[in-house]
Amino acid sequence: MSRRAPLMLQIVTGDPRPIARQITDSVKRLIAGGELQAGDGLPSVRGLAQQLSVNPNTVAKAYAELTTEGWLLSRAGLGLFVAEQRQRLSDGERARRLDEAVDRFVGDVIGLDYPSDTILGRVAEELSHYDVKKTA
């Protein structure tokens, strides 16, 4: 196991997502963006809760979800670590989640009255920051 990485997360009070979801989404982005590497240790539940000024149960819930989904790995007595990259979900589940995410996204941006090419360009720009596999 390598270094214990500080998590540079920010909770946004106006965000419609629950705090636990903001934490899970942020950790996933840090892993996908390469800022957290396999083997990096995460702060303890209490440590991150203190850093973010949130309830430790909220952090525990986020960490449990990330562990269940295979993003993190728990080592008894040692803490939580970033798991090795692997396909975490079945192809069917991945497709279902992509459909849900696209539906939510389209619902959120349709009323903003931007041309499709502007929206697609912004999505492509954002995805370019991550190691997204180029497969069909």
N, C-alpha and C. Protein backbone atom coordinates (compact mmCIF):
# COMPACT_ATOMS: atom_id res chain seq x y z
N MET A 1 0.85 -1.18 0.00
CA MET A 1 0.00 0.00 0.00
C MET A 1 0.89 1.24 0.00
N SER A 2 0.45 2.26 -0.70
CA SER A 2 1.28 3.45 -0.77
C SER A 2 0.76 4.53 0.16
N ARG A 3 0.94 5.75 -0.20
CA ARG A 3 0.68 6.89 0.66
C ARG A 3 -0.77 7.01 1.11
N ARG A 4 -0.97 7.71 2.19
CA ARG A 4 -2.31 8.06 2.68
C ARG A 4 -2.61 9.43 2.08
N ALA A 5 -3.50 9.46 1.10
CA ALA A 5 -3.77 10.69 0.34
C ALA A 5 -4.80 11.56 1.05
N PRO A 6 -4.51 12.85 1.17
CA PRO A 6 -5.55 13.74 1.68
C PRO A 6 -6.61 13.88 0.59
N LEU A 7 -7.86 13.96 1.00
CA LEU A 7 -8.93 14.11 0.02
C LEU A 7 -9.30 15.59 -0.07
N MET A 8 -9.13 16.13 -1.23
CA MET A 8 -9.49 17.53 -1.45
C MET A 8 -10.91 17.56 -1.98
N LEU A 9 -11.86 17.45 -1.05
CA LEU A 9 -13.28 17.44 -1.40
C LEU A 9 -13.93 18.70 -0.88
N GLN A 10 -15.00 19.07 -1.54
CA GLN A 10 -15.75 20.23 -1.10
C GLN A 10 -17.23 19.86 -1.15
N ILE A 11 -17.92 20.13 -0.06
CA ILE A 11 -19.35 19.89 0.01
C ILE A 11 -20.05 21.21 -0.32
N VAL A 12 -20.99 21.14 -1.24
CA VAL A 12 -21.72 22.33 -1.66
C VAL A 12 -23.13 22.25 -1.07
N THR A 13 -23.44 23.19 -0.20
CA THR A 13 -24.73 23.15 0.50
C THR A 13 -25.91 23.35 -0.44
N GLY A 14 -25.76 24.05 -1.53
CA GLY A 14 -26.86 24.26 -2.47
C GLY A 14 -27.04 23.13 -3.46
N ASP A 15 -26.16 22.15 -3.43
CA ASP A 15 -26.22 21.02 -4.36
C ASP A 15 -27.43 20.15 -4.02
N PRO A 16 -28.22 19.79 -5.01
CA PRO A 16 -29.40 18.96 -4.73
C PRO A 16 -29.05 17.52 -4.33
N ARG A 17 -27.81 17.09 -4.62
CA ARG A 17 -27.40 15.74 -4.23
C ARG A 17 -27.16 15.67 -2.73
N PRO A 18 -27.53 14.54 -2.12
CA PRO A 18 -27.21 14.37 -0.70
C PRO A 18 -25.69 14.43 -0.48
N ILE A 19 -25.27 14.76 0.73
CA ILE A 19 -23.85 14.90 1.03
C ILE A 19 -23.09 13.60 0.76
N ALA A 20 -23.68 12.47 1.14
CA ALA A 20 -23.00 11.18 0.89
C ALA A 20 -22.76 10.99 -0.59
N ARG A 21 -23.70 11.39 -1.44
CA ARG A 21 -23.56 11.26 -2.88
C ARG A 21 -22.47 12.21 -3.39
N GLN A 22 -22.39 13.41 -2.83
CA GLN A 22 -21.33 14.33 -3.22
C GLN A 22 -19.97 13.74 -2.91
N ILE A 23 -19.86 13.07 -1.77
CA ILE A 23 -18.59 12.44 -1.38
C ILE A 23 -18.26 11.31 -2.35
N THR A 24 -19.22 10.42 -2.62
CA THR A 24 -18.93 9.28 -3.52
C THR A 24 -18.57 9.78 -4.91
N ASP A 25 -19.32 10.76 -5.42
CA ASP A 25 -19.03 11.30 -6.76
C ASP A 25 -17.63 11.92 -6.80
N SER A 26 -17.26 12.65 -5.75
CA SER A 26 -15.95 13.30 -5.71
C SER A 26 -14.81 12.28 -5.66
N VAL A 27 -14.98 11.24 -4.86
CA VAL A 27 -13.94 10.21 -4.77
C VAL A 27 -13.80 9.49 -6.11
N LYS A 28 -14.92 9.18 -6.75
CA LYS A 28 -14.87 8.53 -8.07
C LYS A 28 -14.13 9.41 -9.07
N ARG A 29 -14.39 10.73 -9.04
CA ARG A 29 -13.70 11.65 -9.95
C ARG A 29 -12.20 11.69 -9.67
N LEU A 30 -11.83 11.69 -8.40
CA LEU A 30 -10.41 11.71 -8.06
C LEU A 30 -9.70 10.44 -8.54
N ILE A 31 -10.38 9.32 -8.46
CA ILE A 31 -9.80 8.05 -8.92
C ILE A 31 -9.74 8.05 -10.45
N ALA A 32 -10.86 8.39 -11.10
CA ALA A 32 -10.90 8.39 -12.56
C ALA A 32 -9.92 9.39 -13.15
N GLY A 33 -9.71 10.51 -12.46
CA GLY A 33 -8.79 11.54 -12.94
C GLY A 33 -7.33 11.26 -12.62
N GLY A 34 -7.07 10.16 -11.90
CA GLY A 34 -5.70 9.78 -11.60
C GLY A 34 -5.10 10.48 -10.39
N GLU A 35 -5.88 11.31 -9.71
CA GLU A 35 -5.37 11.99 -8.51
C GLU A 35 -5.23 11.02 -7.34
N LEU A 36 -6.04 9.99 -7.34
CA LEU A 36 -5.91 8.89 -6.37
C LEU A 36 -5.56 7.64 -7.16
N GLN A 37 -4.50 6.98 -6.74
CA GLN A 37 -4.01 5.79 -7.43
C GLN A 37 -4.33 4.54 -6.61
N ALA A 38 -4.36 3.39 -7.28
CA ALA A 38 -4.56 2.12 -6.58
C ALA A 38 -3.54 2.01 -5.45
N GLY A 39 -4.04 1.67 -4.27
CA GLY A 39 -3.17 1.51 -3.11
C GLY A 39 -3.10 2.74 -2.22
N ASP A 40 -3.54 3.89 -2.72
CA ASP A 40 -3.54 5.09 -1.89
C ASP A 40 -4.54 4.92 -0.76
N GLY A 41 -4.14 5.33 0.43
CA GLY A 41 -5.02 5.26 1.59
C GLY A 41 -5.90 6.49 1.67
N LEU A 42 -7.11 6.29 2.20
CA LEU A 42 -8.04 7.40 2.39
C LEU A 42 -8.09 7.78 3.86
N PRO A 43 -8.53 9.00 4.14
CA PRO A 43 -8.66 9.41 5.54
C PRO A 43 -9.69 8.54 6.26
N SER A 44 -9.56 8.45 7.56
CA SER A 44 -10.54 7.70 8.35
C SER A 44 -11.90 8.37 8.24
N VAL A 45 -12.93 7.64 8.62
CA VAL A 45 -14.28 8.19 8.61
C VAL A 45 -14.33 9.45 9.46
N ARG A 46 -13.80 9.37 10.67
CA ARG A 46 -13.81 10.53 11.56
C ARG A 46 -12.98 11.68 11.00
N GLY A 47 -11.84 11.34 10.42
CA GLY A 47 -10.96 12.38 9.87
C GLY A 47 -11.61 13.15 8.74
N LEU A 48 -12.24 12.42 7.81
CA LEU A 48 -12.90 13.09 6.69
C LEU A 48 -14.14 13.85 7.17
N ALA A 49 -14.88 13.27 8.10
CA ALA A 49 -16.07 13.95 8.63
C ALA A 49 -15.67 15.27 9.28
N GLN A 50 -14.57 15.25 10.01
CA GLN A 50 -14.08 16.46 10.66
C GLN A 50 -13.64 17.49 9.61
N GLN A 51 -12.91 17.02 8.61
CA GLN A 51 -12.42 17.91 7.54
C GLN A 51 -13.59 18.59 6.82
N LEU A 52 -14.67 17.82 6.57
CA LEU A 52 -15.80 18.35 5.81
C LEU A 52 -16.90 18.96 6.69
N SER A 53 -16.72 18.82 8.01
CA SER A 53 -17.74 19.29 8.96
C SER A 53 -19.10 18.64 8.70
N VAL A 54 -19.06 17.31 8.56
CA VAL A 54 -20.30 16.55 8.36
C VAL A 54 -20.36 15.42 9.39
N ASN A 55 -21.51 14.79 9.49
CA ASN A 55 -21.71 13.68 10.41
C ASN A 55 -20.86 12.47 9.96
N PRO A 56 -20.15 11.81 10.88
CA PRO A 56 -19.36 10.64 10.51
C PRO A 56 -20.20 9.54 9.84
N ASN A 57 -21.49 9.43 10.21
CA ASN A 57 -22.35 8.42 9.57
C ASN A 57 -22.50 8.67 8.07
N THR A 58 -22.47 9.93 7.67
CA THR A 58 -22.57 10.29 6.26
C THR A 58 -21.34 9.82 5.50
N VAL A 59 -20.17 10.04 6.09
CA VAL A 59 -18.92 9.58 5.47
C VAL A 59 -18.88 8.05 5.44
N ALA A 60 -19.30 7.42 6.53
CA ALA A 60 -19.33 5.95 6.59
C ALA A 60 -20.23 5.39 5.50
N LYS A 61 -21.36 6.03 5.27
CA LYS A 61 -22.30 5.59 4.22
C LYS A 61 -21.64 5.71 2.84
N ALA A 62 -20.97 6.82 2.59
CA ALA A 62 -20.29 7.03 1.30
C ALA A 62 -19.18 6.00 1.11
N TYR A 63 -18.36 5.80 2.14
CA TYR A 63 -17.28 4.83 2.06
C TYR A 63 -17.83 3.42 1.84
N ALA A 64 -18.93 3.08 2.50
CA ALA A 64 -19.53 1.74 2.34
C ALA A 64 -20.00 1.54 0.90
N GLU A 65 -20.61 2.57 0.32
CA GLU A 65 -21.06 2.46 -1.07
C GLU A 65 -19.88 2.30 -2.02
N LEU A 66 -18.83 3.09 -1.80
CA LEU A 66 -17.64 2.99 -2.66
C LEU A 66 -16.97 1.63 -2.52
N THR A 67 -17.01 1.06 -1.33
CA THR A 67 -16.42 -0.26 -1.11
C THR A 67 -17.26 -1.33 -1.80
N THR A 68 -18.58 -1.24 -1.65
CA THR A 68 -19.49 -2.20 -2.28
C THR A 68 -19.35 -2.17 -3.79
N GLU A 69 -19.17 -0.98 -4.35
CA GLU A 69 -19.04 -0.85 -5.81
C GLU A 69 -17.64 -1.20 -6.32
N GLY A 70 -16.71 -1.46 -5.41
CA GLY A 70 -15.38 -1.87 -5.82
C GLY A 70 -14.38 -0.75 -6.03
N TRP A 71 -14.74 0.47 -5.69
CA TRP A 71 -13.81 1.59 -5.84
C TRP A 71 -12.77 1.59 -4.72
N LEU A 72 -13.20 1.17 -3.53
CA LEU A 72 -12.31 1.13 -2.37
C LEU A 72 -12.22 -0.29 -1.85
N LEU A 73 -11.16 -0.51 -1.10
CA LEU A 73 -10.96 -1.81 -0.49
C LEU A 73 -10.60 -1.59 0.97
N SER A 74 -11.26 -2.36 1.83
CA SER A 74 -11.06 -2.20 3.27
C SER A 74 -10.07 -3.24 3.76
N ARG A 75 -9.09 -2.81 4.53
CA ARG A 75 -8.11 -3.71 5.15
C ARG A 75 -8.27 -3.58 6.66
N ALA A 76 -8.66 -4.68 7.29
CA ALA A 76 -8.92 -4.68 8.73
C ALA A 76 -7.73 -4.11 9.49
N GLY A 77 -8.01 -3.12 10.30
CA GLY A 77 -6.98 -2.51 11.12
C GLY A 77 -6.09 -1.50 10.41
N LEU A 78 -6.21 -1.43 9.10
CA LEU A 78 -5.35 -0.52 8.33
C LEU A 78 -6.12 0.64 7.69
N GLY A 79 -7.39 0.43 7.40
CA GLY A 79 -8.20 1.49 6.82
C GLY A 79 -8.67 1.17 5.42
N LEU A 80 -9.03 2.21 4.69
CA LEU A 80 -9.54 2.08 3.33
C LEU A 80 -8.50 2.53 2.32
N PHE A 81 -8.48 1.81 1.20
CA PHE A 81 -7.50 2.09 0.15
C PHE A 81 -8.20 2.05 -1.20
N VAL A 82 -7.65 2.76 -2.17
CA VAL A 82 -8.17 2.73 -3.53
C VAL A 82 -7.90 1.34 -4.10
N ALA A 83 -8.95 0.73 -4.65
CA ALA A 83 -8.84 -0.62 -5.22
C ALA A 83 -8.22 -0.55 -6.62
N GLU A 84 -7.70 -1.68 -7.05
CA GLU A 84 -7.19 -1.79 -8.42
C GLU A 84 -8.34 -1.56 -9.39
N GLN A 85 -8.05 -0.92 -10.51
CA GLN A 85 -9.08 -0.68 -11.51
C GLN A 85 -9.53 -2.00 -12.13
N ARG A 86 -10.83 -2.13 -12.23
CA ARG A 86 -11.42 -3.28 -12.91
C ARG A 86 -12.83 -2.89 -13.30
N GLN A 87 -13.44 -3.68 -14.15
CA GLN A 87 -14.84 -3.39 -14.48
C GLN A 87 -15.66 -3.77 -13.26
N ARG A 88 -16.33 -2.81 -12.68
CA ARG A 88 -17.02 -2.99 -11.41
C ARG A 88 -18.46 -3.46 -11.57
N LEU A 89 -19.04 -3.25 -12.73
CA LEU A 89 -20.44 -3.58 -12.95
C LEU A 89 -20.60 -4.44 -14.20
N SER A 90 -21.67 -5.20 -14.25
CA SER A 90 -21.95 -6.00 -15.44
C SER A 90 -22.26 -5.06 -16.61
N ASP A 91 -22.16 -5.58 -17.82
CA ASP A 91 -22.45 -4.75 -19.00
C ASP A 91 -23.88 -4.23 -18.96
N GLY A 92 -24.81 -5.08 -18.54
CA GLY A 92 -26.21 -4.66 -18.47
C GLY A 92 -26.43 -3.55 -17.46
N GLU A 93 -25.78 -3.67 -16.30
CA GLU A 93 -25.91 -2.64 -15.26
C GLU A 93 -25.24 -1.35 -15.71
N ARG A 94 -24.11 -1.45 -16.38
CA ARG A 94 -23.45 -0.26 -16.89
C ARG A 94 -24.35 0.47 -17.88
N ALA A 95 -24.97 -0.29 -18.79
CA ALA A 95 -25.87 0.30 -19.79
C ALA A 95 -27.08 0.96 -19.12
N ARG A 96 -27.64 0.29 -18.11
CA ARG A 96 -28.79 0.84 -17.40
C ARG A 96 -28.43 2.16 -16.72
N ARG A 97 -27.27 2.18 -16.06
CA ARG A 97 -26.84 3.40 -15.36
C ARG A 97 -26.51 4.52 -16.33
N LEU A 98 -25.93 4.18 -17.48
CA LEU A 98 -25.65 5.20 -18.49
C LEU A 98 -26.95 5.80 -18.99
N ASP A 99 -27.94 4.96 -19.27
CA ASP A 99 -29.24 5.47 -19.72
C ASP A 99 -29.85 6.40 -18.69
N GLU A 100 -29.81 6.02 -17.42
CA GLU A 100 -30.35 6.86 -16.35
C GLU A 100 -29.62 8.21 -16.27
N ALA A 101 -28.29 8.14 -16.35
CA ALA A 101 -27.49 9.36 -16.24
C ALA A 101 -27.76 10.30 -17.42
N VAL A 102 -27.87 9.74 -18.62
CA VAL A 102 -28.14 10.56 -19.80
C VAL A 102 -29.53 11.18 -19.70
N ASP A 103 -30.51 10.40 -19.26
CA ASP A 103 -31.87 10.94 -19.10
C ASP A 103 -31.89 12.10 -18.11
N ARG A 104 -31.20 11.92 -16.96
CA ARG A 104 -31.13 12.99 -15.96
C ARG A 104 -30.44 14.22 -16.53
N PHE A 105 -29.33 13.99 -17.21
CA PHE A 105 -28.55 15.10 -17.77
C PHE A 105 -29.38 15.87 -18.79
N VAL A 106 -30.02 15.17 -19.70
CA VAL A 106 -30.83 15.84 -20.72
C VAL A 106 -31.96 16.62 -20.06
N GLY A 107 -32.58 16.03 -19.05
CA GLY A 107 -33.63 16.74 -18.33
C GLY A 107 -33.12 18.01 -17.67
N ASP A 108 -31.88 17.97 -17.18
CA ASP A 108 -31.30 19.15 -16.52
C ASP A 108 -30.91 20.25 -17.50
N VAL A 109 -30.43 19.88 -18.69
CA VAL A 109 -29.90 20.91 -19.60
C VAL A 109 -30.87 21.34 -20.69
N ILE A 110 -31.93 20.60 -20.91
CA ILE A 110 -32.83 20.93 -22.02
C ILE A 110 -33.41 22.34 -21.90
N GLY A 111 -33.69 22.76 -20.69
CA GLY A 111 -34.27 24.09 -20.50
C GLY A 111 -33.27 25.23 -20.53
N LEU A 112 -31.99 24.92 -20.65
CA LEU A 112 -30.96 25.98 -20.67
C LEU A 112 -30.84 26.65 -22.03
N ASP A 113 -31.47 26.03 -23.05
CA ASP A 113 -31.54 26.63 -24.38
C ASP A 113 -30.17 26.84 -25.04
N TYR A 114 -29.30 25.82 -24.91
CA TYR A 114 -28.03 25.84 -25.64
C TYR A 114 -28.15 24.94 -26.85
N PRO A 115 -27.42 25.23 -27.92
CA PRO A 115 -27.40 24.32 -29.06
C PRO A 115 -26.74 22.99 -28.65
N SER A 116 -27.18 21.92 -29.29
CA SER A 116 -26.65 20.58 -28.97
C SER A 116 -25.14 20.51 -29.07
N ASP A 117 -24.56 21.16 -30.11
CA ASP A 117 -23.11 21.07 -30.27
C ASP A 117 -22.37 21.74 -29.11
N THR A 118 -22.94 22.78 -28.52
CA THR A 118 -22.33 23.43 -27.36
C THR A 118 -22.35 22.49 -26.16
N ILE A 119 -23.49 21.85 -25.95
CA ILE A 119 -23.62 20.91 -24.83
C ILE A 119 -22.68 19.73 -25.01
N LEU A 120 -22.66 19.16 -26.19
CA LEU A 120 -21.78 18.00 -26.46
C LEU A 120 -20.31 18.39 -26.32
N GLY A 121 -19.98 19.60 -26.74
CA GLY A 121 -18.60 20.07 -26.60
C GLY A 121 -18.18 20.17 -25.15
N ARG A 122 -19.07 20.69 -24.31
CA ARG A 122 -18.77 20.81 -22.87
C ARG A 122 -18.63 19.44 -22.22
N VAL A 123 -19.49 18.50 -22.62
CA VAL A 123 -19.39 17.14 -22.08
C VAL A 123 -18.07 16.51 -22.51
N ALA A 124 -17.71 16.65 -23.77
CA ALA A 124 -16.44 16.10 -24.26
C ALA A 124 -15.26 16.73 -23.54
N GLU A 125 -15.32 18.03 -23.31
CA GLU A 125 -14.25 18.73 -22.60
C GLU A 125 -14.10 18.18 -21.18
N GLU A 126 -15.22 18.02 -20.50
CA GLU A 126 -15.18 17.50 -19.12
C GLU A 126 -14.65 16.07 -19.08
N LEU A 127 -15.10 15.23 -20.01
CA LEU A 127 -14.64 13.84 -20.04
C LEU A 127 -13.17 13.73 -20.40
N SER A 128 -12.64 14.73 -21.10
CA SER A 128 -11.23 14.67 -21.50
C SER A 128 -10.28 14.71 -20.30
N HIS A 129 -10.78 15.13 -19.14
CA HIS A 129 -9.96 15.18 -17.94
C HIS A 129 -9.80 13.81 -17.29
N TYR A 130 -10.53 12.84 -17.79
CA TYR A 130 -10.54 11.51 -17.18
C TYR A 130 -10.07 10.48 -18.18
N ASP A 131 -9.62 9.37 -17.65
CA ASP A 131 -9.13 8.28 -18.48
C ASP A 131 -10.33 7.42 -18.92
N VAL A 132 -11.14 7.99 -19.83
CA VAL A 132 -12.30 7.28 -20.31
C VAL A 132 -11.88 6.39 -21.46
N LYS A 133 -12.23 5.09 -21.36
CA LYS A 133 -11.85 4.13 -22.40
C LYS A 133 -12.57 4.47 -23.70
N LYS A 134 -11.84 4.39 -24.79
CA LYS A 134 -12.42 4.69 -26.10
C LYS A 134 -12.84 3.37 -26.76
N THR A 135 -13.99 2.84 -26.32
CA THR A 135 -14.51 1.60 -26.90
C THR A 135 -15.92 1.82 -27.38
N ALA A 136 -16.35 0.99 -28.29
CA ALA A 136 -17.72 1.12 -28.81
C ALA A 136 -18.65 0.19 -28.08
